[in-house]
Amino acid sequence: MAQIRIVGDDLVVVMEGLDKLWAFKGSLTVPLANVRGATADPGIAAEPKGIRAPGSHLPGVIIAGTFHQDGDKVFWDVRDPSKAIVVELADEEYTRLILQVDDPRATVALVENALT
């Protein structure tokens, strides 16, 4: 699971527990200027992921790490798809961050409010 915070002009994502190991990353920082938006999307885990490099994918258990699909890099950290959100990015290493959070609605509202 990931914790998302707004720190100054940045969106900060911190992976918790063993997710750091499975995702091969402990945190990500993205300038808010490069965040296009966020949505809750519990169906995202059923979509194709692409080629994992590096990352972990045990169907029904965890999707974590970097996945390459159609020329894009997407970062995943999801165990429970019902709590997944998608953060769309521009001009960043990743085009999307797909993250499991405690409260998808509140997290999407936090990101959207920071963008206004």
C-alpha atoms as a PDB file:
ATOM      1  CA  MET A   1       0.000   0.000   0.000  1.00  0.00           C
ATOM      2  CA  ALA A   2       1.069   3.568  -0.608  1.00  0.00           C
ATOM      3  CA  GLN A   3       0.721   6.738   1.407  1.00  0.00           C
ATOM      4  CA  ILE A   4       0.220   9.893  -0.662  1.00  0.00           C
ATOM      5  CA  ARG A   5       1.019  13.350   0.682  1.00  0.00           C
ATOM      6  CA  ILE A   6       1.296  16.831  -0.737  1.00  0.00           C
ATOM      7  CA  VAL A   7       4.546  18.442   0.407  1.00  0.00           C
ATOM      8  CA  GLY A   8       4.974  21.981  -0.846  1.00  0.00           C
ATOM      9  CA  ASP A   9       4.668  21.795  -4.640  1.00  0.00           C
ATOM     10  CA  ASP A  10       5.241  18.028  -4.798  1.00  0.00           C
ATOM     11  CA  LEU A  11       3.168  14.868  -4.723  1.00  0.00           C
ATOM     12  CA  VAL A  12       5.027  12.382  -2.509  1.00  0.00           C
ATOM     13  CA  VAL A  13       4.238   8.663  -2.635  1.00  0.00           C
ATOM     14  CA  VAL A  14       5.721   6.411   0.060  1.00  0.00           C
ATOM     15  CA  MET A  15       5.418   2.626  -0.223  1.00  0.00           C
ATOM     16  CA  GLU A  16       4.819   0.857   3.062  1.00  0.00           C
ATOM     17  CA  GLY A  17       6.182  -2.368   4.507  1.00  0.00           C
ATOM     18  CA  LEU A  18       7.213  -5.122   2.137  1.00  0.00           C
ATOM     19  CA  ASP A  19       5.747  -3.200  -0.799  1.00  0.00           C
ATOM     20  CA  LYS A  20       9.102  -1.376  -0.929  1.00  0.00           C
ATOM     21  CA  LEU A  21      10.747  -4.702  -1.682  1.00  0.00           C
ATOM     22  CA  TRP A  22       8.138  -5.929  -4.190  1.00  0.00           C
ATOM     23  CA  ALA A  23       8.012  -2.581  -6.017  1.00  0.00           C
ATOM     24  CA  PHE A  24      11.782  -2.029  -5.982  1.00  0.00           C
ATOM     25  CA  LYS A  25      11.111   1.545  -4.758  1.00  0.00           C
ATOM     26  CA  GLY A  26      10.543   3.121  -1.382  1.00  0.00           C
ATOM     27  CA  SER A  27       9.143   6.438  -2.561  1.00  0.00           C
ATOM     28  CA  LEU A  28       8.409   8.675  -5.539  1.00  0.00           C
ATOM     29  CA  THR A  29       8.283  12.464  -5.702  1.00  0.00           C
ATOM     30  CA  VAL A  30       6.529  14.242  -8.571  1.00  0.00           C
ATOM     31  CA  PRO A  31       6.092  18.006  -9.016  1.00  0.00           C
ATOM     32  CA  LEU A  32       2.391  18.887  -8.887  1.00  0.00           C
ATOM     33  CA  ALA A  33       2.885  20.760 -12.158  1.00  0.00           C
ATOM     34  CA  ASN A  34       3.359  17.342 -13.824  1.00  0.00           C
ATOM     35  CA  VAL A  35       0.273  15.715 -12.272  1.00  0.00           C
ATOM     36  CA  ARG A  36      -2.658  15.727 -14.707  1.00  0.00           C
ATOM     37  CA  GLY A  37      -5.220  14.218 -12.340  1.00  0.00           C
ATOM     38  CA  ALA A  38      -6.270  11.257 -10.253  1.00  0.00           C
ATOM     39  CA  THR A  39      -9.184   8.818 -10.342  1.00  0.00           C
ATOM     40  CA  ALA A  40     -10.342   5.840  -8.316  1.00  0.00           C
ATOM     41  CA  ASP A  41     -10.338   2.772 -10.583  1.00  0.00           C
ATOM     42  CA  PRO A  42     -11.053  -0.597  -8.936  1.00  0.00           C
ATOM     43  CA  GLY A  43     -11.145  -2.311 -12.363  1.00  0.00           C
ATOM     44  CA  ILE A  44      -7.617  -1.301 -13.364  1.00  0.00           C
ATOM     45  CA  ALA A  45      -6.022  -4.522 -12.060  1.00  0.00           C
ATOM     46  CA  ALA A  46      -7.896  -6.538 -14.697  1.00  0.00           C
ATOM     47  CA  GLU A  47      -6.269  -4.583 -17.547  1.00  0.00           C
ATOM     48  CA  PRO A  48      -3.037  -5.738 -19.248  1.00  0.00           C
ATOM     49  CA  LYS A  49       0.061  -4.662 -17.356  1.00  0.00           C
ATOM     50  CA  GLY A  50       2.772  -4.998 -19.982  1.00  0.00           C
ATOM     51  CA  ILE A  51       6.290  -6.232 -19.362  1.00  0.00           C
ATOM     52  CA  ARG A  52       7.523  -5.998 -15.786  1.00  0.00           C
ATOM     53  CA  ALA A  53      11.030  -4.668 -15.336  1.00  0.00           C
ATOM     54  CA  PRO A  54      11.737  -4.551 -12.428  1.00  0.00           C
ATOM     55  CA  GLY A  55       8.689  -5.599 -10.507  1.00  0.00           C
ATOM     56  CA  SER A  56       6.535  -8.313  -9.021  1.00  0.00           C
ATOM     57  CA  HIS A  57       3.277  -9.785 -10.282  1.00  0.00           C
ATOM     58  CA  LEU A  58       1.568 -12.656  -8.513  1.00  0.00           C
ATOM     59  CA  PRO A  59      -2.000 -12.721  -9.925  1.00  0.00           C
ATOM     60  CA  GLY A  60      -4.550 -12.214  -7.175  1.00  0.00           C
ATOM     61  CA  VAL A  61      -1.810 -11.308  -4.673  1.00  0.00           C
ATOM     62  CA  ILE A  62       0.241  -8.267  -5.748  1.00  0.00           C
ATOM     63  CA  ILE A  63       1.167  -6.066  -8.686  1.00  0.00           C
ATOM     64  CA  ALA A  64       4.166  -3.895  -7.843  1.00  0.00           C
ATOM     65  CA  GLY A  65       7.008  -2.154  -9.619  1.00  0.00           C
ATOM     66  CA  THR A  66       7.680  -0.803 -13.086  1.00  0.00           C
ATOM     67  CA  PHE A  67       5.789  -2.146 -16.087  1.00  0.00           C
ATOM     68  CA  HIS A  68       6.389  -1.195 -19.731  1.00  0.00           C
ATOM     69  CA  GLN A  69       3.351  -1.088 -22.003  1.00  0.00           C
ATOM     70  CA  ASP A  70       3.000   0.446 -25.469  1.00  0.00           C
ATOM     71  CA  GLY A  71       6.085   2.615 -24.960  1.00  0.00           C
ATOM     72  CA  ASP A  72       4.944   3.918 -21.566  1.00  0.00           C
ATOM     73  CA  LYS A  73       6.325   3.212 -18.103  1.00  0.00           C
ATOM     74  CA  VAL A  74       3.671   2.616 -15.457  1.00  0.00           C
ATOM     75  CA  PHE A  75       4.365   2.224 -11.741  1.00  0.00           C
ATOM     76  CA  TRP A  76       2.142  -0.207  -9.803  1.00  0.00           C
ATOM     77  CA  ASP A  77       1.697  -0.892  -6.088  1.00  0.00           C
ATOM     78  CA  VAL A  78      -1.617  -2.768  -5.683  1.00  0.00           C
ATOM     79  CA  ARG A  79      -2.701  -5.731  -3.577  1.00  0.00           C
ATOM     80  CA  ASP A  80      -6.419  -4.892  -3.210  1.00  0.00           C
ATOM     81  CA  PRO A  81      -7.791  -3.570  -6.526  1.00  0.00           C
ATOM     82  CA  SER A  82     -10.919  -2.206  -4.799  1.00  0.00           C
ATOM     83  CA  LYS A  83      -8.656   0.467  -3.269  1.00  0.00           C
ATOM     84  CA  ALA A  84      -6.731   1.371  -6.440  1.00  0.00           C
ATOM     85  CA  ILE A  85      -6.291   4.883  -7.770  1.00  0.00           C
ATOM     86  CA  VAL A  86      -4.637   6.053 -10.979  1.00  0.00           C
ATOM     87  CA  VAL A  87      -2.520   9.211 -11.007  1.00  0.00           C
ATOM     88  CA  GLU A  88      -1.908  10.503 -14.541  1.00  0.00           C
ATOM     89  CA  LEU A  89       1.431  12.247 -15.125  1.00  0.00           C
ATOM     90  CA  ALA A  90       3.016  14.353 -17.866  1.00  0.00           C
ATOM     91  CA  ASP A  91       6.721  14.886 -18.586  1.00  0.00           C
ATOM     92  CA  GLU A  92       7.797  12.310 -15.978  1.00  0.00           C
ATOM     93  CA  GLU A  93       9.594   8.970 -15.936  1.00  0.00           C
ATOM     94  CA  TYR A  94       6.196   7.274 -15.454  1.00  0.00           C
ATOM     95  CA  THR A  95       3.035   8.107 -17.383  1.00  0.00           C
ATOM     96  CA  ARG A  96       0.805   6.688 -14.639  1.00  0.00           C
ATOM     97  CA  LEU A  97       1.037   5.667 -11.007  1.00  0.00           C
ATOM     98  CA  ILE A  98      -1.413   2.923 -10.066  1.00  0.00           C
ATOM     99  CA  LEU A  99      -1.535   2.734  -6.301  1.00  0.00           C
ATOM    100  CA  GLN A 100      -3.493   1.097  -3.524  1.00  0.00           C
ATOM    101  CA  VAL A 101      -4.449   3.582  -0.815  1.00  0.00           C
ATOM    102  CA  ASP A 102      -6.479   3.355   2.402  1.00  0.00           C
ATOM    103  CA  ASP A 103      -9.267   5.649   1.206  1.00  0.00           C
ATOM    104  CA  PRO A 104      -9.437   6.100  -2.593  1.00  0.00           C
ATOM    105  CA  ARG A 105     -12.064   8.870  -2.515  1.00  0.00           C
ATOM    106  CA  ALA A 106     -10.178  10.949   0.045  1.00  0.00           C
ATOM    107  CA  THR A 107      -6.863  10.466  -1.753  1.00  0.00           C
ATOM    108  CA  VAL A 108      -8.299  11.476  -5.134  1.00  0.00           C
ATOM    109  CA  ALA A 109      -9.844  14.558  -3.488  1.00  0.00           C
ATOM    110  CA  LEU A 110      -6.475  15.409  -1.887  1.00  0.00           C
ATOM    111  CA  VAL A 111      -4.703  15.258  -5.257  1.00  0.00           C
ATOM    112  CA  GLU A 112      -7.443  17.115  -7.141  1.00  0.00           C
ATOM    113  CA  ASN A 113      -7.599  19.882  -4.481  1.00  0.00           C
ATOM    114  CA  ALA A 114      -3.816  20.314  -4.688  1.00  0.00           C
ATOM    115  CA  LEU A 115      -4.116  20.840  -8.437  1.00  0.00           C
ATOM    116  CA  THR A 116      -6.617  23.688  -8.173  1.00  0.00           C
END
